[in-house]
Amino acid sequence: MDGLYFSASKVSIPSLYFTDFDEDLDHTWHEFYRFLSTDEEPNDIHKRNINQFLESLHHAPVLLNRFN
């Protein structure tokens, strides 16, 4: 998933920004940083596990590859 950006609202997760977000300088795309294994229950509003979340990305045309 390295190099991929996505629109959080298109996959039903909250948008996260720095406290000093400047819409003239920053963009609304989010970046995948890493995934970690956990025993915790899913905590998004749809109760999706990681496989279900990744599947939702696959079906939504929201990814942008920064290397294209």
N, C-alpha and C. Protein backbone atom coordinates (compact mmCIF):
# COMPACT_ATOMS: atom_id res chain seq x y z
N MET A 1 0.82 -1.18 0.00
CA MET A 1 0.00 0.00 0.00
C MET A 1 0.87 1.25 0.00
N ASP A 2 2.16 1.06 -0.04
CA ASP A 2 3.05 2.21 -0.02
C ASP A 2 2.81 3.08 -1.25
N GLY A 3 2.76 4.37 -1.02
CA GLY A 3 2.57 5.31 -2.11
C GLY A 3 1.13 5.58 -2.46
N LEU A 4 0.18 5.04 -1.69
CA LEU A 4 -1.23 5.23 -2.00
C LEU A 4 -1.86 6.26 -1.07
N TYR A 5 -2.68 7.12 -1.66
CA TYR A 5 -3.45 8.12 -0.92
C TYR A 5 -4.93 7.80 -1.12
N PHE A 6 -5.77 8.23 -0.18
CA PHE A 6 -7.19 7.97 -0.30
C PHE A 6 -7.99 9.09 0.32
N SER A 7 -9.24 9.15 -0.07
CA SER A 7 -10.18 10.11 0.50
C SER A 7 -10.92 9.41 1.64
N ALA A 8 -10.71 9.86 2.85
CA ALA A 8 -11.31 9.19 4.02
C ALA A 8 -12.83 9.15 3.95
N SER A 9 -13.44 10.21 3.50
CA SER A 9 -14.90 10.25 3.47
C SER A 9 -15.48 9.22 2.51
N LYS A 10 -14.74 8.84 1.48
CA LYS A 10 -15.23 7.86 0.51
C LYS A 10 -15.25 6.44 1.06
N VAL A 11 -14.52 6.19 2.15
CA VAL A 11 -14.51 4.85 2.75
C VAL A 11 -15.04 4.89 4.18
N SER A 12 -15.76 5.95 4.50
CA SER A 12 -16.49 6.07 5.77
C SER A 12 -15.60 6.01 7.01
N ILE A 13 -14.48 6.72 6.97
CA ILE A 13 -13.67 6.90 8.17
C ILE A 13 -13.46 8.39 8.37
N PRO A 14 -13.19 8.83 9.60
CA PRO A 14 -13.02 10.27 9.85
C PRO A 14 -11.77 10.83 9.18
N SER A 15 -11.88 12.05 8.72
CA SER A 15 -10.72 12.77 8.18
C SER A 15 -9.89 13.29 9.34
N LEU A 16 -8.59 13.14 9.23
CA LEU A 16 -7.68 13.61 10.27
C LEU A 16 -6.75 14.66 9.68
N TYR A 17 -6.60 15.77 10.37
CA TYR A 17 -5.73 16.85 9.92
C TYR A 17 -4.89 17.34 11.09
N PHE A 18 -3.77 17.98 10.78
CA PHE A 18 -2.99 18.63 11.80
C PHE A 18 -3.78 19.82 12.33
N THR A 19 -3.48 20.26 13.53
CA THR A 19 -4.22 21.38 14.12
C THR A 19 -4.05 22.66 13.34
N ASP A 20 -2.93 22.82 12.62
CA ASP A 20 -2.70 24.02 11.85
C ASP A 20 -2.92 23.78 10.35
N PHE A 21 -3.97 23.05 10.00
CA PHE A 21 -4.32 22.74 8.61
C PHE A 21 -4.59 24.03 7.84
N ASP A 22 -3.92 24.19 6.73
CA ASP A 22 -4.11 25.35 5.85
C ASP A 22 -4.56 24.83 4.50
N GLU A 23 -5.83 25.03 4.16
CA GLU A 23 -6.36 24.45 2.92
C GLU A 23 -5.68 24.99 1.66
N ASP A 24 -4.99 26.12 1.75
CA ASP A 24 -4.25 26.64 0.60
C ASP A 24 -2.94 25.88 0.38
N LEU A 25 -2.40 25.28 1.44
CA LEU A 25 -1.13 24.57 1.35
C LEU A 25 -1.27 23.06 1.45
N ASP A 26 -2.25 22.60 2.20
CA ASP A 26 -2.43 21.17 2.44
C ASP A 26 -3.50 20.60 1.51
N HIS A 27 -3.59 19.32 1.48
CA HIS A 27 -4.59 18.64 0.64
C HIS A 27 -5.48 17.78 1.53
N THR A 28 -6.55 17.27 0.96
CA THR A 28 -7.51 16.48 1.74
C THR A 28 -7.27 14.98 1.61
N TRP A 29 -6.27 14.58 0.83
CA TRP A 29 -5.95 13.15 0.71
C TRP A 29 -5.28 12.66 1.98
N HIS A 30 -5.52 11.41 2.31
CA HIS A 30 -4.88 10.75 3.44
C HIS A 30 -3.91 9.70 2.90
N GLU A 31 -2.93 9.37 3.70
CA GLU A 31 -1.88 8.45 3.27
C GLU A 31 -1.86 7.23 4.17
N PHE A 32 -1.64 6.05 3.57
CA PHE A 32 -1.42 4.85 4.36
C PHE A 32 -0.02 4.93 4.93
N TYR A 33 0.08 4.76 6.24
CA TYR A 33 1.39 4.78 6.88
C TYR A 33 1.83 3.36 7.21
N ARG A 34 1.00 2.65 7.96
CA ARG A 34 1.30 1.26 8.27
C ARG A 34 0.08 0.59 8.89
N PHE A 35 0.10 -0.71 8.88
CA PHE A 35 -0.90 -1.53 9.54
C PHE A 35 -0.18 -2.36 10.59
N LEU A 36 -0.81 -2.52 11.72
CA LEU A 36 -0.25 -3.35 12.78
C LEU A 36 -1.27 -4.39 13.20
N SER A 37 -0.81 -5.57 13.51
CA SER A 37 -1.68 -6.63 14.01
C SER A 37 -2.10 -6.31 15.44
N THR A 38 -3.36 -6.60 15.77
CA THR A 38 -3.87 -6.35 17.11
C THR A 38 -4.95 -7.35 17.46
N ASP A 39 -5.17 -7.55 18.74
CA ASP A 39 -6.26 -8.42 19.19
C ASP A 39 -7.50 -7.60 19.54
N GLU A 40 -7.44 -6.30 19.36
CA GLU A 40 -8.58 -5.44 19.68
C GLU A 40 -9.71 -5.64 18.68
N GLU A 41 -10.92 -5.37 19.14
CA GLU A 41 -12.08 -5.43 18.27
C GLU A 41 -12.06 -4.27 17.28
N PRO A 42 -12.65 -4.45 16.10
CA PRO A 42 -12.75 -3.33 15.16
C PRO A 42 -13.43 -2.14 15.83
N ASN A 43 -12.98 -0.93 15.51
CA ASN A 43 -13.53 0.24 16.19
C ASN A 43 -14.05 1.33 15.24
N ASP A 44 -14.23 0.99 13.95
CA ASP A 44 -14.82 2.02 13.11
C ASP A 44 -16.34 1.94 13.19
N ILE A 45 -17.03 2.92 12.64
CA ILE A 45 -18.48 2.98 12.82
C ILE A 45 -19.21 1.83 12.16
N HIS A 46 -18.57 1.14 11.21
CA HIS A 46 -19.19 0.00 10.53
C HIS A 46 -18.72 -1.34 11.10
N LYS A 47 -17.87 -1.30 12.12
CA LYS A 47 -17.34 -2.51 12.77
C LYS A 47 -16.61 -3.43 11.79
N ARG A 48 -15.95 -2.83 10.80
CA ARG A 48 -15.23 -3.63 9.81
C ARG A 48 -13.89 -4.08 10.37
N ASN A 49 -13.51 -5.30 10.04
CA ASN A 49 -12.15 -5.72 10.33
C ASN A 49 -11.25 -5.22 9.20
N ILE A 50 -9.95 -5.45 9.28
CA ILE A 50 -9.04 -4.89 8.30
C ILE A 50 -9.32 -5.44 6.90
N ASN A 51 -9.67 -6.70 6.80
CA ASN A 51 -9.97 -7.27 5.48
C ASN A 51 -11.20 -6.61 4.86
N GLN A 52 -12.22 -6.36 5.67
CA GLN A 52 -13.42 -5.70 5.17
C GLN A 52 -13.12 -4.25 4.77
N PHE A 53 -12.29 -3.57 5.54
CA PHE A 53 -11.91 -2.20 5.20
C PHE A 53 -11.15 -2.17 3.88
N LEU A 54 -10.18 -3.06 3.71
CA LEU A 54 -9.42 -3.10 2.47
C LEU A 54 -10.32 -3.44 1.28
N GLU A 55 -11.29 -4.28 1.51
CA GLU A 55 -12.26 -4.61 0.46
C GLU A 55 -13.06 -3.37 0.06
N SER A 56 -13.42 -2.53 1.04
CA SER A 56 -14.15 -1.31 0.71
C SER A 56 -13.29 -0.37 -0.12
N LEU A 57 -11.99 -0.35 0.10
CA LEU A 57 -11.10 0.46 -0.73
C LEU A 57 -11.05 -0.07 -2.15
N HIS A 58 -11.07 -1.36 -2.27
CA HIS A 58 -11.01 -1.99 -3.58
C HIS A 58 -12.22 -1.62 -4.44
N HIS A 59 -13.38 -1.47 -3.81
CA HIS A 59 -14.62 -1.19 -4.54
C HIS A 59 -14.90 0.30 -4.72
N ALA A 60 -14.17 1.15 -4.05
CA ALA A 60 -14.39 2.59 -4.17
C ALA A 60 -13.25 3.22 -4.96
N PRO A 61 -13.56 4.00 -5.99
CA PRO A 61 -12.48 4.61 -6.79
C PRO A 61 -11.88 5.81 -6.08
N VAL A 62 -11.16 5.56 -4.99
CA VAL A 62 -10.68 6.65 -4.15
C VAL A 62 -9.17 6.66 -3.97
N LEU A 63 -8.47 5.74 -4.58
CA LEU A 63 -7.03 5.66 -4.37
C LEU A 63 -6.28 6.46 -5.42
N LEU A 64 -5.21 7.08 -5.00
CA LEU A 64 -4.34 7.84 -5.89
C LEU A 64 -2.92 7.38 -5.63
N ASN A 65 -2.24 6.89 -6.64
CA ASN A 65 -0.87 6.43 -6.48
C ASN A 65 0.06 7.60 -6.74
N ARG A 66 0.86 7.98 -5.77
CA ARG A 66 1.74 9.14 -5.93
C ARG A 66 2.85 8.90 -6.94
N PHE A 67 3.04 7.67 -7.37
CA PHE A 67 4.11 7.36 -8.31
C PHE A 67 3.62 7.35 -9.76
N ASN A 68 2.34 7.59 -9.99
CA ASN A 68 1.81 7.64 -11.36
C ASN A 68 2.12 8.97 -11.99
